[in-house]
Amino acid sequence: MPNKGWNSVRLEDLLESVFAGAWGESPTGVRRSNVRVLRATNIDSEGRVDYSRPALRVLEAREISRKRLHTGDLLLEASGGGPGTPVGRVALHKVQPGELDYICSNFFRVLRPNMNLVLPEYLAHLLVAAYRSPRIWRYQQQTTGLVNLKLGDYLKQPLWIPPMYEQARIVEILTGFEAAEQGIEASVSKLRNVRHGALLTSMASVDSEKPALGWVRVPLKAIVPSAEYGISEALDGDARGVPVLRMNNIQSARIEADDLRYCPVPVPSKLLLRCGDVLFNRTNSMEHIGKAAMWRDELPSATFASYLVRLIPDLQRVTPEYLVEWLMHPLVRQRVRSISTVAVQQVNVNPSRLRELEIDLPVDLAEQRRIVAALEACDEQIGREIEELNKLRELKQGLVDDLLSGRVKASDLAA
């Protein structure tokens, strides 16, 4: 039971109105072009709206007038998702510079709070927390190809609401945490831009007509004499088998040795990974095709699935770390996509065609290592920032649970 003065109130009783977003483009009436429409891709599970990429639609002026978003409106995702992914994300709409008009798509319901009863920011925190809790599954229903929110049931959920002054204090505390989060996120974004610039500068030869001084341009097969497919055995979750790396284990040019599957039968020793092997993702969506990472003995023993390719570099000519950086270069990723073939719902890259691509690299291995070391220094700094961000989010989440449940008084923290 929360503190004295808190009341259990149904969500619908806290709202001034609920209405659907706009449907498709309006064919009749007085119309306006380039109306900014927010979609599911414009909100995240943290309750934030990304205003940088709205859809632009042609809508009736009357429709815009009725469905224009007000500061403090909550955007409730009412349809979308897929199996295993609930709908019900909530984001708070805030005033934009120049008082730009926004509406949202019909995949949303707009919840307009009664500001005499609840602060929009406080209600947003409550509903974001509700989305993260197991009870969100009570409000899901599956239709053909879509997951929909059972809106009537959702609006009847009970919420604990403190007095307005306590709401304001809670919002103030959590806003401080959000500002700290945004500061670290901005720092991470800046560091990633620095790294990207360093990559392009250090490998400028990749985008030039001829190799830079001290560099060579050769077919990849000249320095990668071997490219091998992984195993095609059926995998299971029994950890007594041999760990098998799959597409999901290559993240940000690094091996993430978790969420593993296992091969239940013996694997030939020649297909076990060795330190310095480079894994290349040959099959996936166009966005993920060509991801690469170097195996650094993250596990005592492991192999790899057949939709990955192992590239074994000639260590007298190229370091594995440099090879990964070259494969992940934006221009090289484009070249990889250009030689890919589209199959049913996925894209494939033939390793033989991959090895025909030309690679630019310094002749001096020490120069290759210097390039990689500079990029890895950026990665280490980014890693430290992300670690701090994760700690802050963990602390914030615990505090959110305590404050919104009334277990901790905001006034006690402020003191």
Protein backbone atom coordinates (compact mmCIF):
# COMPACT_ATOMS: atom_id res chain seq x y z
CA MET A 1 0.00 0.00 0.00
CA PRO A 2 1.53 3.38 -1.03
CA ASN A 3 1.80 6.34 1.31
CA LYS A 4 -1.09 8.26 2.77
CA GLY A 5 -2.80 10.53 0.26
CA TRP A 6 -2.23 8.20 -2.70
CA ASN A 7 -5.35 6.97 -4.52
CA SER A 8 -6.00 4.03 -6.82
CA VAL A 9 -7.58 5.46 -9.98
CA ARG A 10 -8.47 3.85 -13.28
CA LEU A 11 -6.47 5.21 -16.19
CA GLU A 12 -9.58 6.25 -18.10
CA ASP A 13 -10.65 8.45 -15.19
CA LEU A 14 -7.41 10.43 -15.47
CA LEU A 15 -7.99 11.35 -19.10
CA GLU A 16 -9.72 14.28 -20.70
CA SER A 17 -10.08 12.45 -24.01
CA VAL A 18 -8.89 9.48 -26.07
CA PHE A 19 -8.81 9.50 -29.85
CA ALA A 20 -7.23 7.63 -32.75
CA GLY A 21 -4.52 9.03 -34.96
CA ALA A 22 -5.10 9.94 -38.58
CA TRP A 23 -5.74 7.40 -41.31
CA GLY A 24 -4.15 7.56 -44.75
CA GLU A 25 -3.99 10.54 -47.05
CA SER A 26 -7.31 12.38 -47.37
CA PRO A 27 -8.60 12.50 -50.96
CA THR A 28 -11.30 15.15 -50.45
CA GLY A 29 -11.97 18.48 -48.78
CA VAL A 30 -9.53 21.32 -48.13
CA ARG A 31 -6.15 19.66 -47.86
CA ARG A 32 -2.71 20.49 -46.55
CA SER A 33 0.50 18.92 -47.81
CA ASN A 34 3.58 17.83 -45.84
CA VAL A 35 1.70 17.33 -42.58
CA ARG A 36 4.09 15.80 -40.02
CA VAL A 37 2.84 12.38 -38.95
CA LEU A 38 4.53 10.40 -36.16
CA ARG A 39 4.68 6.62 -36.60
CA ALA A 40 5.72 3.63 -34.48
CA THR A 41 9.33 4.12 -35.59
CA ASN A 42 9.28 7.59 -34.02
CA ILE A 43 8.89 6.38 -30.42
CA ASP A 44 10.98 4.15 -28.18
CA SER A 45 10.34 2.05 -25.09
CA GLU A 46 11.85 4.78 -22.88
CA GLY A 47 8.91 7.11 -23.52
CA ARG A 48 10.72 9.39 -25.95
CA VAL A 49 9.70 10.74 -29.35
CA ASP A 50 12.12 11.14 -32.25
CA TYR A 51 10.88 14.16 -34.21
CA SER A 52 13.65 14.05 -36.82
CA ARG A 53 11.99 11.61 -39.23
CA PRO A 54 8.21 12.11 -39.38
CA ALA A 55 6.23 10.93 -42.37
CA LEU A 56 4.82 13.71 -44.54
CA ARG A 57 1.19 13.28 -45.59
CA VAL A 58 -1.60 15.14 -47.37
CA LEU A 59 -4.54 15.50 -44.98
CA GLU A 60 -7.77 17.42 -44.70
CA ALA A 61 -7.51 20.65 -42.73
CA ARG A 62 -10.49 19.50 -40.65
CA GLU A 63 -8.71 16.24 -39.79
CA ILE A 64 -5.61 18.15 -38.76
CA SER A 65 -7.64 20.48 -36.57
CA ARG A 66 -9.30 17.58 -34.75
CA LYS A 67 -6.19 15.46 -34.31
CA ARG A 68 -3.38 17.95 -33.83
CA LEU A 69 -1.22 16.91 -30.88
CA HIS A 70 -1.06 19.11 -27.80
CA THR A 71 1.89 19.38 -25.45
CA GLY A 72 1.39 16.72 -22.78
CA ASP A 73 -0.47 14.25 -25.01
CA LEU A 74 0.58 10.64 -24.60
CA LEU A 75 1.05 8.52 -27.72
CA LEU A 76 -0.10 4.98 -27.02
CA GLU A 77 0.94 2.29 -29.52
CA ALA A 78 -2.29 0.37 -30.10
CA SER A 79 -1.41 -1.82 -33.06
CA GLY A 80 1.65 -3.34 -34.68
CA GLY A 81 4.38 -5.53 -33.26
CA GLY A 82 4.46 -9.24 -33.95
CA PRO A 83 4.60 -12.59 -32.14
CA GLY A 84 6.47 -12.22 -28.86
CA THR A 85 6.54 -8.41 -29.06
CA PRO A 86 3.81 -6.60 -27.14
CA VAL A 87 2.26 -3.33 -28.19
CA GLY A 88 1.55 -0.63 -25.63
CA ARG A 89 4.62 1.57 -25.78
CA VAL A 90 3.89 5.10 -24.58
CA ALA A 91 5.69 8.35 -25.39
CA LEU A 92 5.12 11.91 -24.22
CA HIS A 93 4.62 14.64 -26.83
CA LYS A 94 6.40 17.88 -25.96
CA VAL A 95 6.24 21.33 -27.52
CA GLN A 96 8.53 21.69 -30.52
CA PRO A 97 10.52 24.75 -31.66
CA GLY A 98 8.36 27.05 -33.75
CA GLU A 99 5.25 25.31 -32.43
CA LEU A 100 5.27 22.87 -35.34
CA ASP A 101 2.10 20.87 -35.83
CA TYR A 102 2.26 17.09 -35.46
CA ILE A 103 -0.33 14.38 -35.60
CA CYS A 104 0.17 10.63 -35.25
CA SER A 105 -0.77 7.65 -37.37
CA ASN A 106 -3.83 5.49 -36.77
CA PHE A 107 -1.59 2.85 -35.16
CA PHE A 108 -1.71 5.09 -32.07
CA ARG A 109 -4.31 6.23 -29.62
CA VAL A 110 -3.78 9.68 -28.17
CA LEU A 111 -4.35 9.91 -24.41
CA ARG A 112 -4.95 13.50 -23.33
CA PRO A 113 -4.53 13.74 -19.54
CA ASN A 114 -6.77 15.78 -17.28
CA MET A 115 -4.09 18.09 -15.90
CA ASN A 116 -6.18 18.84 -12.82
CA LEU A 117 -5.72 15.21 -11.77
CA VAL A 118 -2.35 14.12 -13.09
CA LEU A 119 0.79 15.60 -14.56
CA PRO A 120 1.38 14.29 -18.10
CA GLU A 121 5.04 13.60 -17.29
CA TYR A 122 4.07 11.57 -14.23
CA LEU A 123 1.46 9.58 -16.16
CA ALA A 124 4.01 8.91 -18.90
CA HIS A 125 6.41 7.42 -16.33
CA LEU A 126 3.62 5.23 -14.96
CA LEU A 127 2.63 3.90 -18.38
CA VAL A 128 6.22 3.33 -19.52
CA ALA A 129 6.71 1.28 -16.34
CA ALA A 130 3.47 -0.59 -17.11
CA TYR A 131 4.80 -1.49 -20.56
CA ARG A 132 7.92 -3.00 -19.02
CA SER A 133 5.96 -5.07 -16.52
CA PRO A 134 4.50 -8.55 -17.13
CA ARG A 135 0.97 -7.19 -16.88
CA ILE A 136 1.25 -5.63 -20.35
CA TRP A 137 0.55 -9.11 -21.74
CA ARG A 138 -2.98 -8.96 -20.31
CA TYR A 139 -3.85 -6.32 -22.88
CA GLN A 140 -2.64 -8.07 -26.05
CA GLN A 141 -4.70 -9.72 -28.75
CA GLN A 142 -3.46 -11.30 -31.97
CA THR A 143 -5.19 -10.63 -35.28
CA THR A 144 -4.09 -11.44 -38.80
CA GLY A 145 -0.44 -10.46 -38.94
CA LEU A 146 -0.72 -7.88 -36.16
CA VAL A 147 -0.80 -7.58 -32.38
CA ASN A 148 -3.46 -5.16 -31.12
CA LEU A 149 -4.03 -3.58 -27.74
CA LYS A 150 -7.26 -4.41 -25.95
CA LEU A 151 -7.86 -0.73 -25.39
CA GLY A 152 -10.96 -1.03 -23.22
CA ASP A 153 -9.17 -3.28 -20.73
CA TYR A 154 -6.00 -1.18 -20.89
CA LEU A 155 -7.88 2.00 -20.00
CA LYS A 156 -9.47 0.31 -16.99
CA GLN A 157 -6.14 -0.61 -15.38
CA PRO A 158 -5.78 0.84 -11.86
CA LEU A 159 -2.90 3.24 -11.16
CA TRP A 160 -1.65 4.65 -7.87
CA ILE A 161 -1.71 8.44 -8.02
CA PRO A 162 -0.08 10.65 -5.34
CA PRO A 163 -0.99 14.27 -4.63
CA MET A 164 0.08 16.77 -7.29
CA TYR A 165 2.98 18.13 -5.25
CA GLU A 166 4.40 14.60 -4.89
CA GLN A 167 3.95 13.98 -8.62
CA ALA A 168 5.89 17.16 -9.35
CA ARG A 169 8.76 16.10 -7.07
CA ILE A 170 8.93 12.65 -8.63
CA VAL A 171 8.97 14.15 -12.13
CA GLU A 172 11.73 16.57 -11.11
CA ILE A 173 13.93 13.76 -9.80
CA LEU A 174 13.42 11.51 -12.82
CA THR A 175 13.92 14.43 -15.21
CA GLY A 176 17.35 14.92 -13.65
CA PHE A 177 18.23 11.31 -14.39
CA GLU A 178 16.96 11.67 -17.96
CA ALA A 179 19.15 14.74 -18.48
CA ALA A 180 22.17 12.76 -17.27
CA GLU A 181 21.25 9.90 -19.62
CA GLN A 182 20.92 12.25 -22.55
CA GLY A 183 24.30 13.78 -21.74
CA ILE A 184 26.03 10.40 -21.86
CA GLU A 185 24.10 9.40 -25.00
CA ALA A 186 25.27 12.60 -26.68
CA SER A 187 28.85 11.83 -25.64
CA VAL A 188 28.60 8.30 -27.07
CA SER A 189 27.16 9.67 -30.31
CA LYS A 190 30.00 12.20 -30.58
CA LEU A 191 32.62 9.52 -29.95
CA ARG A 192 31.08 7.29 -32.60
CA ASN A 193 31.25 10.18 -35.06
CA VAL A 194 34.90 10.69 -34.13
CA ARG A 195 35.59 7.01 -34.71
CA HIS A 196 33.78 7.09 -38.04
CA GLY A 197 35.84 10.09 -39.12
CA ALA A 198 39.06 8.40 -38.00
CA LEU A 199 38.16 5.28 -40.01
CA LEU A 200 37.45 7.28 -43.18
CA THR A 201 40.62 9.35 -42.78
CA SER A 202 42.95 6.47 -42.01
CA MET A 203 41.54 4.38 -44.89
CA ALA A 204 41.17 7.22 -47.40
CA SER A 205 42.86 5.02 -49.99
CA VAL A 206 39.67 2.90 -50.16
CA ASP A 207 37.85 5.80 -51.83
CA SER A 208 40.68 6.98 -54.10
CA GLU A 209 41.45 6.20 -57.73
CA LYS A 210 44.76 4.59 -56.85
CA PRO A 211 46.36 3.35 -53.63
CA ALA A 212 48.02 5.84 -51.32
CA LEU A 213 51.80 5.91 -50.98
CA GLY A 214 52.92 2.82 -49.06
CA TRP A 215 49.62 1.07 -49.75
CA VAL A 216 48.64 -1.67 -52.18
CA ARG A 217 45.36 -2.60 -53.86
CA VAL A 218 44.90 -6.30 -54.46
CA PRO A 219 42.02 -8.78 -54.78
CA LEU A 220 40.96 -9.99 -51.36
CA LYS A 221 41.81 -13.56 -52.39
CA ALA A 222 45.49 -12.54 -52.61
CA ILE A 223 45.61 -12.01 -48.84
CA VAL A 224 42.75 -14.30 -47.78
CA PRO A 225 43.68 -17.63 -49.36
CA SER A 226 40.87 -19.51 -47.65
CA ALA A 227 37.15 -18.89 -47.07
CA GLU A 228 35.15 -21.65 -45.40
CA TYR A 229 31.48 -22.32 -44.68
CA GLY A 230 30.45 -23.37 -41.19
CA ILE A 231 28.44 -26.39 -40.07
CA SER A 232 24.89 -27.19 -41.17
CA GLU A 233 23.94 -29.54 -38.31
CA ALA A 234 20.67 -29.08 -36.41
CA LEU A 235 21.38 -27.15 -33.20
CA ASP A 236 19.84 -27.32 -29.74
CA GLY A 237 20.11 -25.69 -26.32
CA ASP A 238 22.08 -28.47 -24.63
CA ALA A 239 25.31 -26.86 -23.40
CA ARG A 240 27.07 -30.24 -23.42
CA GLY A 241 27.47 -29.80 -27.18
CA VAL A 242 29.91 -27.59 -29.05
CA PRO A 243 28.98 -23.85 -28.96
CA VAL A 244 28.00 -22.57 -32.41
CA LEU A 245 28.28 -18.90 -33.36
CA ARG A 246 25.41 -17.56 -35.44
CA MET A 247 24.52 -14.24 -37.08
CA ASN A 248 23.30 -12.75 -33.80
CA ASN A 249 26.70 -13.33 -32.20
CA ILE A 250 28.33 -10.67 -34.41
CA GLN A 251 27.56 -7.26 -32.91
CA SER A 252 29.40 -3.98 -33.59
CA ALA A 253 32.37 -5.81 -35.13
CA ARG A 254 32.76 -7.90 -31.97
CA ILE A 255 31.84 -11.44 -31.00
CA GLU A 256 29.10 -11.58 -28.36
CA ALA A 257 29.44 -15.10 -26.95
CA ASP A 258 25.98 -15.31 -25.42
CA ASP A 259 22.57 -16.53 -26.61
CA LEU A 260 24.37 -19.58 -27.94
CA ARG A 261 23.10 -22.74 -29.58
CA TYR A 262 25.02 -26.01 -29.53
CA CYS A 263 25.94 -28.80 -31.94
CA PRO A 264 25.03 -32.17 -30.37
CA VAL A 265 27.42 -34.18 -32.56
CA PRO A 266 31.24 -34.07 -32.80
CA VAL A 267 32.61 -31.22 -34.94
CA PRO A 268 35.68 -31.82 -37.16
CA SER A 269 38.71 -30.12 -35.64
CA LYS A 270 39.28 -28.15 -38.86
CA LEU A 271 35.95 -26.36 -38.26
CA LEU A 272 36.79 -25.27 -34.72
CA LEU A 273 37.58 -21.57 -34.47
CA ARG A 274 41.14 -20.37 -33.94
CA CYS A 275 42.22 -17.01 -32.58
CA GLY A 276 42.49 -14.58 -35.48
CA ASP A 277 39.78 -16.16 -37.63
CA VAL A 278 37.50 -13.55 -39.18
CA LEU A 279 33.81 -14.38 -39.39
CA PHE A 280 31.74 -12.78 -42.14
CA ASN A 281 27.94 -12.75 -42.19
CA ARG A 282 27.02 -13.89 -45.69
CA THR A 283 23.23 -14.29 -45.26
CA ASN A 284 20.74 -11.90 -43.69
CA SER A 285 18.75 -8.77 -44.46
CA MET A 286 20.42 -6.09 -46.57
CA GLU A 287 21.02 -4.06 -43.41
CA HIS A 288 22.99 -6.81 -41.67
CA ILE A 289 24.71 -8.50 -44.59
CA GLY A 290 28.49 -8.25 -44.42
CA LYS A 291 28.91 -7.82 -40.68
CA ALA A 292 32.28 -9.14 -39.57
CA ALA A 293 34.24 -9.81 -36.39
CA MET A 294 37.45 -11.49 -35.30
CA TRP A 295 37.44 -14.54 -33.03
CA ARG A 296 39.55 -13.80 -29.93
CA ASP A 297 39.14 -17.10 -28.07
CA GLU A 298 36.08 -15.82 -26.23
CA LEU A 299 35.28 -19.46 -25.40
CA PRO A 300 37.57 -22.48 -24.90
CA SER A 301 36.06 -24.12 -27.98
CA ALA A 302 33.49 -23.10 -30.58
CA THR A 303 32.49 -23.50 -34.21
CA PHE A 304 30.26 -21.46 -36.54
CA ALA A 305 27.07 -21.93 -38.51
CA SER A 306 26.93 -22.26 -42.30
CA TYR A 307 25.43 -18.82 -42.89
CA LEU A 308 28.73 -17.41 -41.64
CA VAL A 309 31.97 -17.64 -43.59
CA ARG A 310 35.39 -17.96 -41.99
CA LEU A 311 38.07 -15.86 -43.68
CA ILE A 312 41.59 -16.99 -42.87
CA PRO A 313 44.02 -14.14 -43.60
CA ASP A 314 47.64 -14.42 -44.67
CA LEU A 315 49.26 -13.04 -41.51
CA GLN A 316 52.36 -12.05 -43.44
CA ARG A 317 50.32 -9.49 -45.36
CA VAL A 318 47.34 -8.45 -43.29
CA THR A 319 46.35 -8.45 -39.64
CA PRO A 320 42.92 -9.93 -38.82
CA GLU A 321 41.96 -6.73 -36.98
CA TYR A 322 42.67 -4.60 -40.05
CA LEU A 323 40.71 -7.01 -42.24
CA VAL A 324 37.65 -6.57 -39.99
CA GLU A 325 37.94 -2.77 -40.10
CA TRP A 326 38.18 -2.89 -43.89
CA LEU A 327 35.14 -5.16 -44.17
CA MET A 328 33.15 -2.79 -41.94
CA HIS A 329 34.17 0.35 -43.89
CA PRO A 330 30.95 2.01 -45.19
CA LEU A 331 32.15 2.00 -48.80
CA VAL A 332 33.16 -1.67 -48.60
CA ARG A 333 29.76 -2.52 -47.08
CA GLN A 334 28.18 -0.88 -50.14
CA ARG A 335 30.38 -2.94 -52.46
CA VAL A 336 29.42 -6.11 -50.60
CA ARG A 337 25.74 -5.30 -51.01
CA SER A 338 26.28 -4.66 -54.73
CA ILE A 339 27.56 -8.22 -55.27
CA SER A 340 24.84 -9.83 -53.14
CA THR A 341 21.93 -11.80 -54.56
CA VAL A 342 18.39 -11.50 -53.28
CA ALA A 343 16.66 -14.73 -52.27
CA VAL A 344 13.34 -15.25 -50.50
CA GLN A 345 13.22 -12.67 -47.68
CA GLN A 346 17.01 -12.52 -47.40
CA VAL A 347 20.24 -11.59 -49.16
CA ASN A 348 23.25 -13.80 -49.86
CA VAL A 349 26.89 -13.07 -50.63
CA ASN A 350 28.93 -15.70 -52.45
CA PRO A 351 32.37 -16.00 -50.78
CA SER A 352 34.06 -16.41 -54.15
CA ARG A 353 32.63 -13.09 -55.34
CA LEU A 354 33.57 -11.51 -52.03
CA ARG A 355 37.19 -12.55 -52.52
CA GLU A 356 37.22 -10.87 -55.93
CA LEU A 357 36.72 -7.44 -54.29
CA GLU A 358 39.83 -5.28 -54.12
CA ILE A 359 41.21 -4.42 -50.71
CA ASP A 360 43.41 -1.40 -49.94
CA LEU A 361 45.92 -1.90 -47.17
CA PRO A 362 49.28 -0.56 -45.95
CA VAL A 363 52.19 -2.77 -46.96
CA ASP A 364 53.70 -2.26 -43.49
CA LEU A 365 51.92 -4.42 -40.90
CA ALA A 366 52.95 -1.91 -38.21
CA GLU A 367 50.93 0.76 -40.02
CA GLN A 368 47.92 -1.56 -40.11
CA ARG A 369 48.28 -2.07 -36.36
CA ARG A 370 48.58 1.69 -35.78
CA ILE A 371 45.30 2.31 -37.63
CA VAL A 372 43.53 -0.41 -35.66
CA ALA A 373 44.97 0.82 -32.34
CA ALA A 374 43.59 4.33 -32.93
CA LEU A 375 40.15 2.93 -33.70
CA GLU A 376 40.23 0.57 -30.72
CA ALA A 377 41.10 3.52 -28.45
CA CYS A 378 37.82 5.11 -29.56
CA ASP A 379 36.03 1.80 -28.94
CA GLU A 380 37.41 1.61 -25.39
CA GLN A 381 36.23 5.12 -24.60
CA ILE A 382 32.81 4.39 -26.09
CA GLY A 383 32.67 1.21 -24.00
CA ARG A 384 33.39 3.13 -20.79
CA GLU A 385 30.65 5.65 -21.58
CA ILE A 386 28.16 2.86 -22.34
CA GLU A 387 29.08 1.13 -19.08
CA GLU A 388 28.36 4.35 -17.18
CA LEU A 389 25.09 4.73 -19.08
CA ASN A 390 24.02 1.20 -18.17
CA LYS A 391 24.82 1.81 -14.50
CA LEU A 392 22.81 5.03 -14.54
CA ARG A 393 19.85 3.31 -16.19
CA GLU A 394 19.95 0.48 -13.68
CA LEU A 395 19.96 2.98 -10.81
CA LYS A 396 17.17 4.96 -12.43
CA GLN A 397 15.02 1.87 -12.99
CA GLY A 398 15.24 0.88 -9.33
CA LEU A 399 14.39 4.44 -8.33
CA VAL A 400 11.45 4.56 -10.73
CA ASP A 401 10.01 1.41 -9.18
CA ASP A 402 10.43 2.79 -5.66
CA LEU A 403 9.02 6.25 -6.42
CA LEU A 404 6.04 5.15 -8.49
CA SER A 405 5.04 2.53 -5.95
CA GLY A 406 5.33 4.95 -3.04
CA ARG A 407 7.95 2.81 -1.27
CA VAL A 408 10.25 5.85 -1.30
CA LYS A 409 9.06 9.42 -0.82
CA ALA A 410 10.36 11.96 -3.30
CA SER A 411 10.59 14.47 -0.46
CA ASP A 412 13.04 12.17 1.36
CA LEU A 413 15.31 12.07 -1.68
CA ALA A 414 15.09 15.81 -2.19
CA ALA A 415 16.19 16.31 1.40
